[in-house]
Amino acid sequence: MKIYGDMQSGNCYKIALLAALLGIKHQWIHLDIMAGETRTDEFVGKNPNAKIPLLELDDGRLLSESNAILNYLASGTDLLPDNFFTRAEVLQWQFFEQYSHEPYIAVARFINKYLGLPAEREEEYHSKRAGGDKALQVMEQQLRKSPFLVGKDFTIADISLYGYTHVAHEGGFDLTAYPMIQAWLARVAAMPGYIPMG
């Protein structure tokens, strides 16, 4: 299988991390978002949304959206529970990640790290702080109750949230205010097969 992505993107890194943890053989095809490599005719032919990550199976089927890819690749493993309710809890955190976490923390990181915090986007950058901190507070509260986001076991819910949380400081978020998140980050990084972003 082929995975199209950029390892500096939290959404793409999630997939690379899962593949490493599960020992999934694949060909990683690097695409530079900033250079417009996701907007070529060839790539748009594969994903009309012109975004990465993108999974291409050996039979030519294509799957986009990072959390959909995580669910597909983790099916049948311990990282995606069989129990219907527990699986729904995994999905709950993945929806939270895409709607309440990523739009704030990932966007703040992009403006700060990749764009160099230009004056015309300073107001937008600062507006992301409240939403990002709220998301981190929700995670902190959950991680006071359990070592991982869905109870005692590590799942793809943790991978989904780890992608951008562990680099939240690059968006100006101070993680020292969240001791439970810091401990959780260390637990994820200690998983056998873990690979860093980059």
C-alpha atoms as a PDB file:
ATOM      1  CA  MET A   1       0.000   0.000   0.000  1.00  0.00           C
ATOM      2  CA  LYS A   2       1.007   3.617  -0.489  1.00  0.00           C
ATOM      3  CA  ILE A   3       0.565   6.459   1.971  1.00  0.00           C
ATOM      4  CA  TYR A   4       0.793   9.979   0.620  1.00  0.00           C
ATOM      5  CA  GLY A   5       1.720  12.451   3.310  1.00  0.00           C
ATOM      6  CA  ASP A   6       4.016  14.992   4.930  1.00  0.00           C
ATOM      7  CA  MET A   7       5.531  13.948   8.266  1.00  0.00           C
ATOM      8  CA  GLN A   8       5.392  17.534   9.573  1.00  0.00           C
ATOM      9  CA  SER A   9       1.593  17.385   9.362  1.00  0.00           C
ATOM     10  CA  GLY A  10      -0.044  16.008  12.492  1.00  0.00           C
ATOM     11  CA  ASN A  11      -2.787  14.410  10.399  1.00  0.00           C
ATOM     12  CA  CYS A  12      -0.226  12.571   8.277  1.00  0.00           C
ATOM     13  CA  TYR A  13       2.003  11.705  11.224  1.00  0.00           C
ATOM     14  CA  LYS A  14      -0.930   9.910  12.868  1.00  0.00           C
ATOM     15  CA  ILE A  15      -0.955   7.429   9.992  1.00  0.00           C
ATOM     16  CA  ALA A  16       2.826   6.953   9.986  1.00  0.00           C
ATOM     17  CA  LEU A  17       2.752   6.390  13.749  1.00  0.00           C
ATOM     18  CA  LEU A  18      -0.016   3.794  13.526  1.00  0.00           C
ATOM     19  CA  ALA A  19       1.781   2.005  10.685  1.00  0.00           C
ATOM     20  CA  ALA A  20       4.967   1.906  12.784  1.00  0.00           C
ATOM     21  CA  LEU A  21       3.180   0.665  15.905  1.00  0.00           C
ATOM     22  CA  LEU A  22       1.421  -2.119  13.974  1.00  0.00           C
ATOM     23  CA  GLY A  23       4.334  -2.942  11.659  1.00  0.00           C
ATOM     24  CA  ILE A  24       2.277  -2.221   8.538  1.00  0.00           C
ATOM     25  CA  LYS A  25       4.413  -2.414   5.405  1.00  0.00           C
ATOM     26  CA  HIS A  26       3.843   0.532   3.098  1.00  0.00           C
ATOM     27  CA  GLN A  27       5.468   2.949   0.710  1.00  0.00           C
ATOM     28  CA  TRP A  28       5.542   6.492   2.088  1.00  0.00           C
ATOM     29  CA  ILE A  29       5.212   9.086  -0.674  1.00  0.00           C
ATOM     30  CA  HIS A  30       6.194  12.530   0.564  1.00  0.00           C
ATOM     31  CA  LEU A  31       4.162  15.460  -0.718  1.00  0.00           C
ATOM     32  CA  ASP A  32       5.122  19.021   0.186  1.00  0.00           C
ATOM     33  CA  ILE A  33       1.919  20.911   0.980  1.00  0.00           C
ATOM     34  CA  MET A  34       3.647  24.302   0.961  1.00  0.00           C
ATOM     35  CA  ALA A  35       5.042  23.612  -2.529  1.00  0.00           C
ATOM     36  CA  GLY A  36       1.576  22.831  -3.886  1.00  0.00           C
ATOM     37  CA  GLU A  37       2.260  19.147  -4.481  1.00  0.00           C
ATOM     38  CA  THR A  38      -1.258  18.184  -3.348  1.00  0.00           C
ATOM     39  CA  ARG A  39      -2.767  20.400  -6.047  1.00  0.00           C
ATOM     40  CA  THR A  40      -1.281  18.676  -9.091  1.00  0.00           C
ATOM     41  CA  ASP A  41      -3.681  17.157 -11.612  1.00  0.00           C
ATOM     42  CA  GLU A  42      -2.333  13.687 -10.807  1.00  0.00           C
ATOM     43  CA  PHE A  43      -2.972  13.995  -7.072  1.00  0.00           C
ATOM     44  CA  VAL A  44      -6.335  15.737  -7.411  1.00  0.00           C
ATOM     45  CA  GLY A  45      -7.306  12.818  -9.640  1.00  0.00           C
ATOM     46  CA  LYS A  46      -6.771  10.600  -6.617  1.00  0.00           C
ATOM     47  CA  ASN A  47      -8.264  12.962  -4.023  1.00  0.00           C
ATOM     48  CA  PRO A  48     -10.456  15.790  -5.348  1.00  0.00           C
ATOM     49  CA  ASN A  49     -10.198  17.454  -1.916  1.00  0.00           C
ATOM     50  CA  ALA A  50      -6.460  17.912  -2.619  1.00  0.00           C
ATOM     51  CA  LYS A  51      -5.473  16.994   0.933  1.00  0.00           C
ATOM     52  CA  ILE A  52      -3.202  14.514   2.643  1.00  0.00           C
ATOM     53  CA  PRO A  53      -2.963  11.935   4.088  1.00  0.00           C
ATOM     54  CA  LEU A  54      -4.233   9.607   1.423  1.00  0.00           C
ATOM     55  CA  LEU A  55      -4.109   5.826   1.544  1.00  0.00           C
ATOM     56  CA  GLU A  56      -3.863   3.888  -1.726  1.00  0.00           C
ATOM     57  CA  LEU A  57      -4.393   0.149  -1.411  1.00  0.00           C
ATOM     58  CA  ASP A  58      -2.744  -2.426  -3.615  1.00  0.00           C
ATOM     59  CA  ASP A  59      -5.996  -2.905  -5.535  1.00  0.00           C
ATOM     60  CA  GLY A  60      -6.198   0.838  -6.302  1.00  0.00           C
ATOM     61  CA  ARG A  61      -8.883   1.769  -3.762  1.00  0.00           C
ATOM     62  CA  LEU A  62      -8.327   5.141  -2.129  1.00  0.00           C
ATOM     63  CA  LEU A  63      -9.161   6.404   1.345  1.00  0.00           C
ATOM     64  CA  SER A  64      -8.713   9.946   2.647  1.00  0.00           C
ATOM     65  CA  GLU A  65      -9.294  11.698   5.997  1.00  0.00           C
ATOM     66  CA  SER A  66      -6.798  10.734   8.683  1.00  0.00           C
ATOM     67  CA  ASN A  67      -9.247   9.301  11.192  1.00  0.00           C
ATOM     68  CA  ALA A  68     -11.005   7.182   8.544  1.00  0.00           C
ATOM     69  CA  ILE A  69      -7.606   5.775   7.566  1.00  0.00           C
ATOM     70  CA  LEU A  70      -6.780   5.068  11.221  1.00  0.00           C
ATOM     71  CA  ASN A  71     -10.049   3.176  11.655  1.00  0.00           C
ATOM     72  CA  TYR A  72      -9.458   1.109   8.528  1.00  0.00           C
ATOM     73  CA  LEU A  73      -5.854   0.205   9.340  1.00  0.00           C
ATOM     74  CA  ALA A  74      -6.560  -0.528  13.016  1.00  0.00           C
ATOM     75  CA  SER A  75      -9.567  -2.787  12.338  1.00  0.00           C
ATOM     76  CA  GLY A  76      -9.032  -6.210  13.869  1.00  0.00           C
ATOM     77  CA  THR A  77      -6.252  -5.004  16.198  1.00  0.00           C
ATOM     78  CA  ASP A  78      -6.177  -4.107  19.886  1.00  0.00           C
ATOM     79  CA  LEU A  79      -6.039  -0.418  18.941  1.00  0.00           C
ATOM     80  CA  LEU A  80      -9.692  -0.442  17.848  1.00  0.00           C
ATOM     81  CA  PRO A  81     -11.983  -2.160  20.382  1.00  0.00           C
ATOM     82  CA  ASP A  82     -14.573  -4.713  19.284  1.00  0.00           C
ATOM     83  CA  ASN A  83     -17.090  -3.585  21.908  1.00  0.00           C
ATOM     84  CA  PHE A  84     -19.618  -1.333  20.157  1.00  0.00           C
ATOM     85  CA  PHE A  85     -19.829   1.252  22.934  1.00  0.00           C
ATOM     86  CA  THR A  86     -16.069   1.450  23.462  1.00  0.00           C
ATOM     87  CA  ARG A  87     -15.591   1.807  19.708  1.00  0.00           C
ATOM     88  CA  ALA A  88     -18.115   4.640  19.748  1.00  0.00           C
ATOM     89  CA  GLU A  89     -16.054   6.288  22.496  1.00  0.00           C
ATOM     90  CA  VAL A  90     -13.009   6.089  20.210  1.00  0.00           C
ATOM     91  CA  LEU A  91     -15.031   7.780  17.476  1.00  0.00           C
ATOM     92  CA  GLN A  92     -16.254  10.387  19.963  1.00  0.00           C
ATOM     93  CA  TRP A  93     -12.659  11.440  20.660  1.00  0.00           C
ATOM     94  CA  GLN A  94     -11.815  11.401  16.947  1.00  0.00           C
ATOM     95  CA  PHE A  95     -14.743  13.724  16.195  1.00  0.00           C
ATOM     96  CA  PHE A  96     -13.645  15.905  19.103  1.00  0.00           C
ATOM     97  CA  GLU A  97     -10.150  16.019  17.608  1.00  0.00           C
ATOM     98  CA  GLN A  98     -11.377  17.202  14.214  1.00  0.00           C
ATOM     99  CA  TYR A  99     -13.972  19.711  15.439  1.00  0.00           C
ATOM    100  CA  SER A 100     -12.787  20.994  18.822  1.00  0.00           C
ATOM    101  CA  HIS A 101      -9.017  20.447  18.824  1.00  0.00           C
ATOM    102  CA  GLU A 102      -7.401  20.496  15.373  1.00  0.00           C
ATOM    103  CA  PRO A 103      -9.089  23.723  14.134  1.00  0.00           C
ATOM    104  CA  TYR A 104      -7.450  25.602  16.993  1.00  0.00           C
ATOM    105  CA  ILE A 105      -4.187  23.894  17.878  1.00  0.00           C
ATOM    106  CA  ALA A 106      -3.160  22.821  14.376  1.00  0.00           C
ATOM    107  CA  VAL A 107      -4.121  26.146  12.790  1.00  0.00           C
ATOM    108  CA  ALA A 108      -2.250  28.139  15.457  1.00  0.00           C
ATOM    109  CA  ARG A 109       0.793  25.933  14.824  1.00  0.00           C
ATOM    110  CA  PHE A 110       0.525  26.458  11.064  1.00  0.00           C
ATOM    111  CA  ILE A 111       0.290  30.247  11.384  1.00  0.00           C
ATOM    112  CA  ASN A 112       3.172  30.396  13.850  1.00  0.00           C
ATOM    113  CA  LYS A 113       5.561  27.724  12.557  1.00  0.00           C
ATOM    114  CA  TYR A 114       4.976  27.693   8.820  1.00  0.00           C
ATOM    115  CA  LEU A 115       3.876  31.235   8.099  1.00  0.00           C
ATOM    116  CA  GLY A 116       6.090  32.909  10.712  1.00  0.00           C
ATOM    117  CA  LEU A 117       3.152  34.658  12.409  1.00  0.00           C
ATOM    118  CA  PRO A 118       2.583  37.377   9.794  1.00  0.00           C
ATOM    119  CA  ALA A 119       0.983  40.597  11.038  1.00  0.00           C
ATOM    120  CA  GLU A 120      -2.140  40.071   8.939  1.00  0.00           C
ATOM    121  CA  ARG A 121      -2.839  36.768  10.725  1.00  0.00           C
ATOM    122  CA  GLU A 122      -1.892  37.757  14.279  1.00  0.00           C
ATOM    123  CA  GLU A 123      -5.487  38.371  15.301  1.00  0.00           C
ATOM    124  CA  GLU A 124      -6.545  34.980  13.944  1.00  0.00           C
ATOM    125  CA  TYR A 125      -3.601  33.330  15.714  1.00  0.00           C
ATOM    126  CA  HIS A 126      -4.553  34.805  19.083  1.00  0.00           C
ATOM    127  CA  SER A 127      -8.211  33.923  18.529  1.00  0.00           C
ATOM    128  CA  LYS A 128      -7.230  30.238  18.383  1.00  0.00           C
ATOM    129  CA  ARG A 129      -5.856  30.261  21.929  1.00  0.00           C
ATOM    130  CA  ALA A 130      -9.168  30.039  23.806  1.00  0.00           C
ATOM    131  CA  GLY A 131     -10.480  27.152  21.713  1.00  0.00           C
ATOM    132  CA  GLY A 132      -7.193  25.287  21.929  1.00  0.00           C
ATOM    133  CA  ASP A 133      -6.957  25.694  25.685  1.00  0.00           C
ATOM    134  CA  LYS A 134     -10.554  24.533  26.074  1.00  0.00           C
ATOM    135  CA  ALA A 135      -9.744  21.366  24.114  1.00  0.00           C
ATOM    136  CA  LEU A 136      -6.654  20.746  26.236  1.00  0.00           C
ATOM    137  CA  GLN A 137      -8.698  21.226  29.408  1.00  0.00           C
ATOM    138  CA  VAL A 138     -11.203  18.606  28.229  1.00  0.00           C
ATOM    139  CA  MET A 139      -8.346  16.164  27.608  1.00  0.00           C
ATOM    140  CA  GLU A 140      -6.723  16.995  30.946  1.00  0.00           C
ATOM    141  CA  GLN A 141      -9.980  16.269  32.745  1.00  0.00           C
ATOM    142  CA  GLN A 142     -10.374  12.887  31.035  1.00  0.00           C
ATOM    143  CA  LEU A 143      -6.746  11.915  31.671  1.00  0.00           C
ATOM    144  CA  ARG A 144      -7.231  12.514  35.380  1.00  0.00           C
ATOM    145  CA  LYS A 145      -9.683   9.589  35.266  1.00  0.00           C
ATOM    146  CA  SER A 146      -7.788   7.137  33.065  1.00  0.00           C
ATOM    147  CA  PRO A 147      -4.292   6.655  31.628  1.00  0.00           C
ATOM    148  CA  PHE A 148      -5.584   6.840  28.061  1.00  0.00           C
ATOM    149  CA  LEU A 149      -8.505   8.665  26.488  1.00  0.00           C
ATOM    150  CA  VAL A 150     -10.743   5.599  26.367  1.00  0.00           C
ATOM    151  CA  GLY A 151      -9.947   3.989  29.706  1.00  0.00           C
ATOM    152  CA  LYS A 152      -6.913   1.890  30.555  1.00  0.00           C
ATOM    153  CA  ASP A 153      -6.062   0.786  27.018  1.00  0.00           C
ATOM    154  CA  PHE A 154      -4.177   2.659  24.305  1.00  0.00           C
ATOM    155  CA  THR A 155      -6.324   3.091  21.161  1.00  0.00           C
ATOM    156  CA  ILE A 156      -6.388   5.066  17.948  1.00  0.00           C
ATOM    157  CA  ALA A 157      -8.238   7.764  19.907  1.00  0.00           C
ATOM    158  CA  ASP A 158      -4.894   8.475  21.563  1.00  0.00           C
ATOM    159  CA  ILE A 159      -3.077   8.489  18.228  1.00  0.00           C
ATOM    160  CA  SER A 160      -5.643  10.931  16.803  1.00  0.00           C
ATOM    161  CA  LEU A 161      -5.141  13.402  19.642  1.00  0.00           C
ATOM    162  CA  TYR A 162      -1.406  12.833  20.004  1.00  0.00           C
ATOM    163  CA  GLY A 163      -0.675  14.032  16.454  1.00  0.00           C
ATOM    164  CA  TYR A 164      -1.133  17.746  17.161  1.00  0.00           C
ATOM    165  CA  THR A 165      -1.117  17.777  20.981  1.00  0.00           C
ATOM    166  CA  HIS A 166       2.542  16.773  21.248  1.00  0.00           C
ATOM    167  CA  VAL A 167       3.545  19.740  19.072  1.00  0.00           C
ATOM    168  CA  ALA A 168       1.016  22.194  20.528  1.00  0.00           C
ATOM    169  CA  HIS A 169       3.886  24.275  21.922  1.00  0.00           C
ATOM    170  CA  GLU A 170       4.783  25.131  18.310  1.00  0.00           C
ATOM    171  CA  GLY A 171       1.435  26.919  18.185  1.00  0.00           C
ATOM    172  CA  GLY A 172       2.122  28.821  21.393  1.00  0.00           C
ATOM    173  CA  PHE A 173       0.321  26.506  23.832  1.00  0.00           C
ATOM    174  CA  ASP A 174       2.013  25.964  27.199  1.00  0.00           C
ATOM    175  CA  LEU A 175       1.657  22.278  28.032  1.00  0.00           C
ATOM    176  CA  THR A 176       3.270  22.696  31.464  1.00  0.00           C
ATOM    177  CA  ALA A 177      -0.205  23.795  32.583  1.00  0.00           C
ATOM    178  CA  TYR A 178      -1.480  20.285  31.780  1.00  0.00           C
ATOM    179  CA  PRO A 179       0.391  17.678  33.867  1.00  0.00           C
ATOM    180  CA  MET A 180      -1.973  14.823  32.974  1.00  0.00           C
ATOM    181  CA  ILE A 181      -1.483  15.519  29.261  1.00  0.00           C
ATOM    182  CA  GLN A 182       2.290  15.604  29.751  1.00  0.00           C
ATOM    183  CA  ALA A 183       2.218  12.209  31.481  1.00  0.00           C
ATOM    184  CA  TRP A 184      -0.023  10.837  28.711  1.00  0.00           C
ATOM    185  CA  LEU A 185       2.356  12.147  26.024  1.00  0.00           C
ATOM    186  CA  ALA A 186       5.175  10.251  27.724  1.00  0.00           C
ATOM    187  CA  ARG A 187       3.082   7.052  27.819  1.00  0.00           C
ATOM    188  CA  VAL A 188       2.349   7.304  24.097  1.00  0.00           C
ATOM    189  CA  ALA A 189       6.024   7.961  23.276  1.00  0.00           C
ATOM    190  CA  ALA A 190       6.974   4.859  25.271  1.00  0.00           C
ATOM    191  CA  MET A 191       4.851   2.533  23.116  1.00  0.00           C
ATOM    192  CA  PRO A 192       6.855  -0.239  21.375  1.00  0.00           C
ATOM    193  CA  GLY A 193       7.487   0.758  17.757  1.00  0.00           C
ATOM    194  CA  TYR A 194       6.935   4.474  18.396  1.00  0.00           C
ATOM    195  CA  ILE A 195       8.454   6.851  15.846  1.00  0.00           C
ATOM    196  CA  PRO A 196       8.832  10.629  16.270  1.00  0.00           C
ATOM    197  CA  MET A 197       7.407  13.210  13.911  1.00  0.00           C
ATOM    198  CA  GLY A 198       9.768  14.451  11.226  1.00  0.00           C
END
